[in-house]
Amino acid sequence: MRMPGRAGKTGRSATARGARRWRFGLAAAAFALLAVGTALLVAGLGRQEPAPPGPPGGDGTSGTASGRPGTAGKESPARGGPDGRDLPAPLAASDPVRVAIPSLDVSSSLERLGLDARKQMETPRDPAKAGWYRPGPAPGAKGPAVIAGHVTWNGTRAVFFDLAKLKKGDTVVVDRKDGVSATFTVDRVAQYPKDKFPTVDVYRNLDHAGLRLITCGGDYSAADRRYSDNVVVYATLTKTRT
């Protein structure tokens, strides 16, 4: 015959065990949801290619002409280009609206890019579009205008997939909000390890209107979800058309 006290204690023990199992199950479910959310976040961040460094000083300008109204005008004298050729005078600043690279069959509207929290240039949100680095000069204005784009996105080709195929003498056309089309001629194409990005060469002051196109290149690491290098195209304004 069971004593009443023994039966009550057994009931309380069963209830306690049930509560512990319920709390354990709830914690396990929460952990699983956290793990899935973290995995999705990591995967989403992994799709973003690390951007090239920002200009020296981290203020977005590096002492170059800012590309804002009044920094360069049509009255500026023409300068000799990298090959000693005569160049058109730099234009007054006007936001770019489209970039085209005829030899690569590329045509893209442009996002605006700034600096992120790490003082690095942002990358375009849409892999099918290139982006203009807004703190720097406008394309056609005096100084080094910068346009960047992804090379791939989630394993598929992005806007600047073929950028490394450009050659000296190829052209890049930037349509501007003021109705002027600025044609740039490629001077050289270079590839650099990401930890040796040529910040000074890309952002330094120029006495003419220049253009830099930037994307990723080299070997791709699936583990790190990143490319080893950056590809930089250096070009000079050689023609304008309204």
C-alpha atoms as a PDB file:
ATOM      1  CA  MET A   1       0.000   0.000   0.000  1.00  0.00           C
ATOM      2  CA  ARG A   2       1.437   3.394  -1.046  1.00  0.00           C
ATOM      3  CA  MET A   3       1.696   6.171   1.447  1.00  0.00           C
ATOM      4  CA  PRO A   4      -0.101   9.384   0.443  1.00  0.00           C
ATOM      5  CA  GLY A   5       3.089  11.454   0.778  1.00  0.00           C
ATOM      6  CA  ARG A   6       5.022   9.193  -1.580  1.00  0.00           C
ATOM      7  CA  ALA A   7       2.352   9.511  -4.289  1.00  0.00           C
ATOM      8  CA  GLY A   8       2.322  13.342  -4.056  1.00  0.00           C
ATOM      9  CA  LYS A   9       6.104  13.520  -4.365  1.00  0.00           C
ATOM     10  CA  THR A  10       6.078  11.295  -7.431  1.00  0.00           C
ATOM     11  CA  GLY A  11       3.461  13.512  -9.077  1.00  0.00           C
ATOM     12  CA  ARG A  12       5.510  16.625  -8.404  1.00  0.00           C
ATOM     13  CA  SER A  13       8.636  14.944  -9.833  1.00  0.00           C
ATOM     14  CA  ALA A  14       6.812  14.008 -13.036  1.00  0.00           C
ATOM     15  CA  THR A  15       5.540  17.556 -13.365  1.00  0.00           C
ATOM     16  CA  ALA A  16       9.062  18.953 -12.869  1.00  0.00           C
ATOM     17  CA  ARG A  17      10.502  16.571 -15.462  1.00  0.00           C
ATOM     18  CA  GLY A  18       7.834  17.651 -17.954  1.00  0.00           C
ATOM     19  CA  ALA A  19       8.614  21.307 -17.348  1.00  0.00           C
ATOM     20  CA  ARG A  20      12.330  20.698 -17.854  1.00  0.00           C
ATOM     21  CA  ARG A  21      11.666  18.848 -21.113  1.00  0.00           C
ATOM     22  CA  TRP A  22       9.432  21.709 -22.295  1.00  0.00           C
ATOM     23  CA  ARG A  23      12.088  24.335 -21.465  1.00  0.00           C
ATOM     24  CA  PHE A  24      14.803  22.252 -23.173  1.00  0.00           C
ATOM     25  CA  GLY A  25      12.672  21.864 -26.299  1.00  0.00           C
ATOM     26  CA  LEU A  26      11.967  25.594 -26.411  1.00  0.00           C
ATOM     27  CA  ALA A  27      15.670  26.430 -26.019  1.00  0.00           C
ATOM     28  CA  ALA A  28      16.605  23.957 -28.758  1.00  0.00           C
ATOM     29  CA  ALA A  29      14.060  25.470 -31.130  1.00  0.00           C
ATOM     30  CA  ALA A  30      15.296  28.988 -30.386  1.00  0.00           C
ATOM     31  CA  PHE A  31      18.901  27.901 -30.975  1.00  0.00           C
ATOM     32  CA  ALA A  32      17.939  26.298 -34.288  1.00  0.00           C
ATOM     33  CA  LEU A  33      16.191  29.464 -35.436  1.00  0.00           C
ATOM     34  CA  LEU A  34      19.203  31.539 -34.389  1.00  0.00           C
ATOM     35  CA  ALA A  35      21.541  29.238 -36.299  1.00  0.00           C
ATOM     36  CA  VAL A  36      19.426  29.460 -39.445  1.00  0.00           C
ATOM     37  CA  GLY A  37      19.198  33.248 -39.168  1.00  0.00           C
ATOM     38  CA  THR A  38      22.949  33.544 -38.679  1.00  0.00           C
ATOM     39  CA  ALA A  39      23.605  31.298 -41.676  1.00  0.00           C
ATOM     40  CA  LEU A  40      21.318  33.395 -43.856  1.00  0.00           C
ATOM     41  CA  LEU A  41      22.997  36.587 -42.683  1.00  0.00           C
ATOM     42  CA  VAL A  42      26.471  35.206 -43.386  1.00  0.00           C
ATOM     43  CA  ALA A  43      25.364  34.001 -46.809  1.00  0.00           C
ATOM     44  CA  GLY A  44      23.898  37.408 -47.596  1.00  0.00           C
ATOM     45  CA  LEU A  45      27.048  39.219 -46.507  1.00  0.00           C
ATOM     46  CA  GLY A  46      29.178  36.740 -48.397  1.00  0.00           C
ATOM     47  CA  ARG A  47      27.601  37.824 -51.648  1.00  0.00           C
ATOM     48  CA  GLN A  48      28.942  41.333 -51.120  1.00  0.00           C
ATOM     49  CA  GLU A  49      32.435  41.715 -52.500  1.00  0.00           C
ATOM     50  CA  PRO A  50      34.768  43.748 -50.252  1.00  0.00           C
ATOM     51  CA  ALA A  51      35.080  47.263 -51.654  1.00  0.00           C
ATOM     52  CA  PRO A  52      38.323  48.984 -52.535  1.00  0.00           C
ATOM     53  CA  PRO A  53      39.707  51.345 -49.900  1.00  0.00           C
ATOM     54  CA  GLY A  54      38.514  54.913 -49.792  1.00  0.00           C
ATOM     55  CA  PRO A  55      40.783  57.879 -50.451  1.00  0.00           C
ATOM     56  CA  PRO A  56      43.584  58.791 -48.031  1.00  0.00           C
ATOM     57  CA  GLY A  57      42.235  60.770 -45.098  1.00  0.00           C
ATOM     58  CA  GLY A  58      38.870  58.978 -45.147  1.00  0.00           C
ATOM     59  CA  ASP A  59      36.844  62.086 -45.984  1.00  0.00           C
ATOM     60  CA  GLY A  60      35.859  60.864 -49.418  1.00  0.00           C
ATOM     61  CA  THR A  61      37.737  63.484 -51.420  1.00  0.00           C
ATOM     62  CA  SER A  62      41.511  63.030 -50.955  1.00  0.00           C
ATOM     63  CA  GLY A  63      42.013  66.662 -51.868  1.00  0.00           C
ATOM     64  CA  THR A  64      40.744  66.134 -55.399  1.00  0.00           C
ATOM     65  CA  ALA A  65      38.197  68.319 -57.117  1.00  0.00           C
ATOM     66  CA  SER A  66      34.932  67.227 -55.590  1.00  0.00           C
ATOM     67  CA  GLY A  67      32.892  67.193 -58.758  1.00  0.00           C
ATOM     68  CA  ARG A  68      30.378  69.596 -57.230  1.00  0.00           C
ATOM     69  CA  PRO A  69      29.193  72.679 -59.117  1.00  0.00           C
ATOM     70  CA  GLY A  70      31.873  75.287 -59.620  1.00  0.00           C
ATOM     71  CA  THR A  71      34.911  73.047 -59.097  1.00  0.00           C
ATOM     72  CA  ALA A  72      35.744  72.833 -62.799  1.00  0.00           C
ATOM     73  CA  GLY A  73      34.432  74.795 -65.730  1.00  0.00           C
ATOM     74  CA  LYS A  74      34.537  74.818 -69.496  1.00  0.00           C
ATOM     75  CA  GLU A  75      36.948  77.745 -69.398  1.00  0.00           C
ATOM     76  CA  SER A  76      39.716  75.520 -67.981  1.00  0.00           C
ATOM     77  CA  PRO A  77      42.632  75.151 -70.407  1.00  0.00           C
ATOM     78  CA  ALA A  78      43.191  71.870 -72.204  1.00  0.00           C
ATOM     79  CA  ARG A  79      46.078  69.802 -70.870  1.00  0.00           C
ATOM     80  CA  GLY A  80      48.390  67.260 -72.389  1.00  0.00           C
ATOM     81  CA  GLY A  81      47.232  63.719 -71.724  1.00  0.00           C
ATOM     82  CA  PRO A  82      49.260  60.735 -70.565  1.00  0.00           C
ATOM     83  CA  ASP A  83      50.529  60.287 -74.136  1.00  0.00           C
ATOM     84  CA  GLY A  84      51.132  63.983 -74.703  1.00  0.00           C
ATOM     85  CA  ARG A  85      47.934  64.379 -76.742  1.00  0.00           C
ATOM     86  CA  ASP A  86      45.775  67.479 -76.539  1.00  0.00           C
ATOM     87  CA  LEU A  87      42.690  66.997 -74.437  1.00  0.00           C
ATOM     88  CA  PRO A  88      39.346  68.751 -74.221  1.00  0.00           C
ATOM     89  CA  ALA A  89      38.972  71.134 -71.304  1.00  0.00           C
ATOM     90  CA  PRO A  90      37.379  69.620 -68.189  1.00  0.00           C
ATOM     91  CA  LEU A  91      33.641  70.168 -67.964  1.00  0.00           C
ATOM     92  CA  ALA A  92      31.582  71.748 -65.244  1.00  0.00           C
ATOM     93  CA  ALA A  93      30.282  69.168 -62.793  1.00  0.00           C
ATOM     94  CA  SER A  94      27.105  67.259 -63.653  1.00  0.00           C
ATOM     95  CA  ASP A  95      25.909  63.949 -62.262  1.00  0.00           C
ATOM     96  CA  PRO A  96      26.425  60.932 -64.522  1.00  0.00           C
ATOM     97  CA  VAL A  97      23.361  58.916 -65.482  1.00  0.00           C
ATOM     98  CA  ARG A  98      24.751  56.076 -67.628  1.00  0.00           C
ATOM     99  CA  VAL A  99      28.033  54.378 -68.491  1.00  0.00           C
ATOM    100  CA  ALA A 100      28.623  52.446 -71.708  1.00  0.00           C
ATOM    101  CA  ILE A 101      31.606  50.366 -72.817  1.00  0.00           C
ATOM    102  CA  PRO A 102      31.051  49.600 -76.513  1.00  0.00           C
ATOM    103  CA  SER A 103      33.773  46.954 -76.867  1.00  0.00           C
ATOM    104  CA  LEU A 104      32.249  44.914 -74.003  1.00  0.00           C
ATOM    105  CA  ASP A 105      28.611  45.534 -74.947  1.00  0.00           C
ATOM    106  CA  VAL A 106      28.040  47.094 -71.502  1.00  0.00           C
ATOM    107  CA  SER A 107      25.446  49.779 -70.823  1.00  0.00           C
ATOM    108  CA  SER A 108      24.322  50.563 -67.293  1.00  0.00           C
ATOM    109  CA  SER A 109      22.508  53.253 -65.363  1.00  0.00           C
ATOM    110  CA  LEU A 110      24.411  54.357 -62.270  1.00  0.00           C
ATOM    111  CA  GLU A 111      23.824  54.088 -58.558  1.00  0.00           C
ATOM    112  CA  ARG A 112      25.381  56.577 -56.159  1.00  0.00           C
ATOM    113  CA  LEU A 113      28.133  55.247 -53.918  1.00  0.00           C
ATOM    114  CA  GLY A 114      29.587  56.741 -50.757  1.00  0.00           C
ATOM    115  CA  LEU A 115      31.824  55.532 -47.935  1.00  0.00           C
ATOM    116  CA  ASP A 116      30.794  52.802 -45.527  1.00  0.00           C
ATOM    117  CA  ALA A 117      31.501  52.682 -41.799  1.00  0.00           C
ATOM    118  CA  ARG A 118      35.003  51.360 -42.464  1.00  0.00           C
ATOM    119  CA  LYS A 119      35.800  54.326 -44.746  1.00  0.00           C
ATOM    120  CA  GLN A 120      35.751  52.047 -47.761  1.00  0.00           C
ATOM    121  CA  MET A 121      33.880  52.773 -50.941  1.00  0.00           C
ATOM    122  CA  GLU A 122      30.433  51.217 -51.039  1.00  0.00           C
ATOM    123  CA  THR A 123      29.602  48.674 -53.726  1.00  0.00           C
ATOM    124  CA  PRO A 124      26.479  48.792 -55.924  1.00  0.00           C
ATOM    125  CA  ARG A 125      23.391  47.156 -54.435  1.00  0.00           C
ATOM    126  CA  ASP A 126      22.243  45.912 -57.854  1.00  0.00           C
ATOM    127  CA  PRO A 127      24.836  43.599 -59.479  1.00  0.00           C
ATOM    128  CA  ALA A 128      23.470  44.531 -62.918  1.00  0.00           C
ATOM    129  CA  LYS A 129      24.362  48.198 -62.345  1.00  0.00           C
ATOM    130  CA  ALA A 130      27.584  50.116 -61.904  1.00  0.00           C
ATOM    131  CA  GLY A 131      27.907  52.893 -59.335  1.00  0.00           C
ATOM    132  CA  TRP A 132      29.471  56.352 -59.307  1.00  0.00           C
ATOM    133  CA  TYR A 133      31.561  57.337 -56.292  1.00  0.00           C
ATOM    134  CA  ARG A 134      29.698  60.530 -55.353  1.00  0.00           C
ATOM    135  CA  PRO A 135      32.262  62.163 -52.980  1.00  0.00           C
ATOM    136  CA  GLY A 136      34.729  62.317 -55.887  1.00  0.00           C
ATOM    137  CA  PRO A 137      34.601  64.283 -59.151  1.00  0.00           C
ATOM    138  CA  ALA A 138      31.821  63.840 -61.670  1.00  0.00           C
ATOM    139  CA  PRO A 139      32.921  62.137 -64.903  1.00  0.00           C
ATOM    140  CA  GLY A 140      34.165  64.864 -67.254  1.00  0.00           C
ATOM    141  CA  ALA A 141      35.046  67.285 -64.436  1.00  0.00           C
ATOM    142  CA  LYS A 142      38.669  67.819 -63.454  1.00  0.00           C
ATOM    143  CA  GLY A 143      40.052  64.958 -61.405  1.00  0.00           C
ATOM    144  CA  PRO A 144      39.679  61.163 -61.169  1.00  0.00           C
ATOM    145  CA  ALA A 145      36.016  60.153 -61.402  1.00  0.00           C
ATOM    146  CA  VAL A 146      35.455  56.626 -60.068  1.00  0.00           C
ATOM    147  CA  ILE A 147      32.855  54.090 -61.256  1.00  0.00           C
ATOM    148  CA  ALA A 148      32.712  50.615 -59.676  1.00  0.00           C
ATOM    149  CA  GLY A 149      30.772  47.442 -60.396  1.00  0.00           C
ATOM    150  CA  HIS A 150      30.606  43.779 -59.415  1.00  0.00           C
ATOM    151  CA  VAL A 151      32.318  41.121 -61.494  1.00  0.00           C
ATOM    152  CA  THR A 152      30.009  38.272 -60.371  1.00  0.00           C
ATOM    153  CA  TRP A 153      27.072  37.858 -57.990  1.00  0.00           C
ATOM    154  CA  ASN A 154      25.945  34.514 -56.568  1.00  0.00           C
ATOM    155  CA  GLY A 155      27.991  32.744 -59.218  1.00  0.00           C
ATOM    156  CA  THR A 156      26.521  34.635 -62.186  1.00  0.00           C
ATOM    157  CA  ARG A 157      28.011  37.348 -64.376  1.00  0.00           C
ATOM    158  CA  ALA A 158      27.605  40.923 -63.154  1.00  0.00           C
ATOM    159  CA  VAL A 159      27.931  44.269 -64.934  1.00  0.00           C
ATOM    160  CA  PHE A 160      31.752  44.415 -65.008  1.00  0.00           C
ATOM    161  CA  PHE A 161      32.373  40.710 -65.642  1.00  0.00           C
ATOM    162  CA  ASP A 162      34.567  41.420 -68.696  1.00  0.00           C
ATOM    163  CA  LEU A 163      36.217  44.621 -67.471  1.00  0.00           C
ATOM    164  CA  ALA A 164      39.703  43.080 -67.411  1.00  0.00           C
ATOM    165  CA  LYS A 165      39.426  42.503 -71.182  1.00  0.00           C
ATOM    166  CA  LEU A 166      39.596  46.228 -71.914  1.00  0.00           C
ATOM    167  CA  LYS A 167      42.696  47.357 -73.787  1.00  0.00           C
ATOM    168  CA  LYS A 168      44.542  50.609 -74.268  1.00  0.00           C
ATOM    169  CA  GLY A 169      42.653  52.707 -76.812  1.00  0.00           C
ATOM    170  CA  ASP A 170      39.197  51.296 -76.000  1.00  0.00           C
ATOM    171  CA  THR A 171      36.553  53.855 -75.127  1.00  0.00           C
ATOM    172  CA  VAL A 172      34.119  54.403 -72.256  1.00  0.00           C
ATOM    173  CA  VAL A 173      31.181  56.783 -72.679  1.00  0.00           C
ATOM    174  CA  VAL A 174      29.459  58.455 -69.741  1.00  0.00           C
ATOM    175  CA  ASP A 175      26.150  60.255 -70.316  1.00  0.00           C
ATOM    176  CA  ARG A 176      25.600  63.133 -67.927  1.00  0.00           C
ATOM    177  CA  LYS A 177      22.545  64.857 -66.524  1.00  0.00           C
ATOM    178  CA  ASP A 178      23.426  68.081 -68.385  1.00  0.00           C
ATOM    179  CA  GLY A 179      23.030  66.291 -71.731  1.00  0.00           C
ATOM    180  CA  VAL A 180      26.758  65.989 -72.433  1.00  0.00           C
ATOM    181  CA  SER A 181      28.271  62.616 -73.352  1.00  0.00           C
ATOM    182  CA  ALA A 182      31.876  62.341 -72.172  1.00  0.00           C
ATOM    183  CA  THR A 183      34.098  59.871 -74.022  1.00  0.00           C
ATOM    184  CA  PHE A 184      37.119  58.508 -72.182  1.00  0.00           C
ATOM    185  CA  THR A 185      39.966  56.580 -73.809  1.00  0.00           C
ATOM    186  CA  VAL A 186      41.597  53.748 -71.858  1.00  0.00           C
ATOM    187  CA  ASP A 187      45.244  54.411 -70.989  1.00  0.00           C
ATOM    188  CA  ARG A 188      45.956  51.155 -69.174  1.00  0.00           C
ATOM    189  CA  VAL A 189      44.392  48.253 -67.291  1.00  0.00           C
ATOM    190  CA  ALA A 190      46.019  46.892 -64.154  1.00  0.00           C
ATOM    191  CA  GLN A 191      45.338  44.187 -61.567  1.00  0.00           C
ATOM    192  CA  TYR A 192      46.395  44.389 -57.933  1.00  0.00           C
ATOM    193  CA  PRO A 193      46.134  42.163 -54.836  1.00  0.00           C
ATOM    194  CA  LYS A 194      43.447  43.552 -52.540  1.00  0.00           C
ATOM    195  CA  ASP A 195      45.976  44.252 -49.806  1.00  0.00           C
ATOM    196  CA  LYS A 196      48.049  46.330 -52.255  1.00  0.00           C
ATOM    197  CA  PHE A 197      45.285  48.432 -53.755  1.00  0.00           C
ATOM    198  CA  PRO A 198      46.863  51.559 -55.399  1.00  0.00           C
ATOM    199  CA  THR A 199      44.911  54.129 -53.417  1.00  0.00           C
ATOM    200  CA  VAL A 200      47.174  57.041 -54.375  1.00  0.00           C
ATOM    201  CA  ASP A 201      47.144  56.249 -58.111  1.00  0.00           C
ATOM    202  CA  VAL A 202      43.373  55.873 -58.169  1.00  0.00           C
ATOM    203  CA  TYR A 203      42.378  58.944 -56.161  1.00  0.00           C
ATOM    204  CA  ARG A 204      45.267  61.416 -56.594  1.00  0.00           C
ATOM    205  CA  ASN A 205      44.845  64.907 -58.063  1.00  0.00           C
ATOM    206  CA  LEU A 206      44.853  65.250 -61.862  1.00  0.00           C
ATOM    207  CA  ASP A 207      45.231  68.316 -64.074  1.00  0.00           C
ATOM    208  CA  HIS A 208      42.703  66.858 -66.520  1.00  0.00           C
ATOM    209  CA  ALA A 209      39.445  64.858 -66.464  1.00  0.00           C
ATOM    210  CA  GLY A 210      40.127  61.190 -65.742  1.00  0.00           C
ATOM    211  CA  LEU A 211      38.084  58.069 -65.092  1.00  0.00           C
ATOM    212  CA  ARG A 212      38.739  54.929 -63.037  1.00  0.00           C
ATOM    213  CA  LEU A 213      36.655  51.788 -63.468  1.00  0.00           C
ATOM    214  CA  ILE A 214      37.004  49.254 -60.635  1.00  0.00           C
ATOM    215  CA  THR A 215      35.905  45.673 -60.117  1.00  0.00           C
ATOM    216  CA  CYS A 216      37.190  42.446 -58.553  1.00  0.00           C
ATOM    217  CA  GLY A 217      39.504  39.970 -60.257  1.00  0.00           C
ATOM    218  CA  GLY A 218      41.991  37.163 -59.711  1.00  0.00           C
ATOM    219  CA  ASP A 219      41.153  33.899 -57.972  1.00  0.00           C
ATOM    220  CA  TYR A 220      37.845  33.400 -56.220  1.00  0.00           C
ATOM    221  CA  SER A 221      37.786  31.724 -52.803  1.00  0.00           C
ATOM    222  CA  ALA A 222      34.514  29.891 -52.177  1.00  0.00           C
ATOM    223  CA  ALA A 223      35.418  29.574 -48.491  1.00  0.00           C
ATOM    224  CA  ASP A 224      35.986  33.311 -48.047  1.00  0.00           C
ATOM    225  CA  ARG A 225      33.459  34.347 -50.719  1.00  0.00           C
ATOM    226  CA  ARG A 226      35.874  36.897 -52.137  1.00  0.00           C
ATOM    227  CA  TYR A 227      38.256  37.530 -55.003  1.00  0.00           C
ATOM    228  CA  SER A 228      41.967  37.940 -54.414  1.00  0.00           C
ATOM    229  CA  ASP A 229      42.474  41.066 -56.538  1.00  0.00           C
ATOM    230  CA  ASN A 230      41.027  44.291 -57.884  1.00  0.00           C
ATOM    231  CA  VAL A 231      41.018  45.304 -61.556  1.00  0.00           C
ATOM    232  CA  VAL A 232      41.449  49.026 -62.244  1.00  0.00           C
ATOM    233  CA  VAL A 233      40.966  50.696 -65.626  1.00  0.00           C
ATOM    234  CA  TYR A 234      42.609  54.110 -66.040  1.00  0.00           C
ATOM    235  CA  ALA A 235      41.108  56.369 -68.718  1.00  0.00           C
ATOM    236  CA  THR A 236      41.268  60.013 -69.853  1.00  0.00           C
ATOM    237  CA  LEU A 237      38.584  62.323 -71.258  1.00  0.00           C
ATOM    238  CA  THR A 238      39.261  62.680 -74.996  1.00  0.00           C
ATOM    239  CA  LYS A 239      35.963  63.884 -76.477  1.00  0.00           C
ATOM    240  CA  THR A 240      32.678  65.499 -75.479  1.00  0.00           C
ATOM    241  CA  ARG A 241      29.394  65.624 -77.351  1.00  0.00           C
ATOM    242  CA  THR A 242      26.062  67.297 -76.661  1.00  0.00           C
END
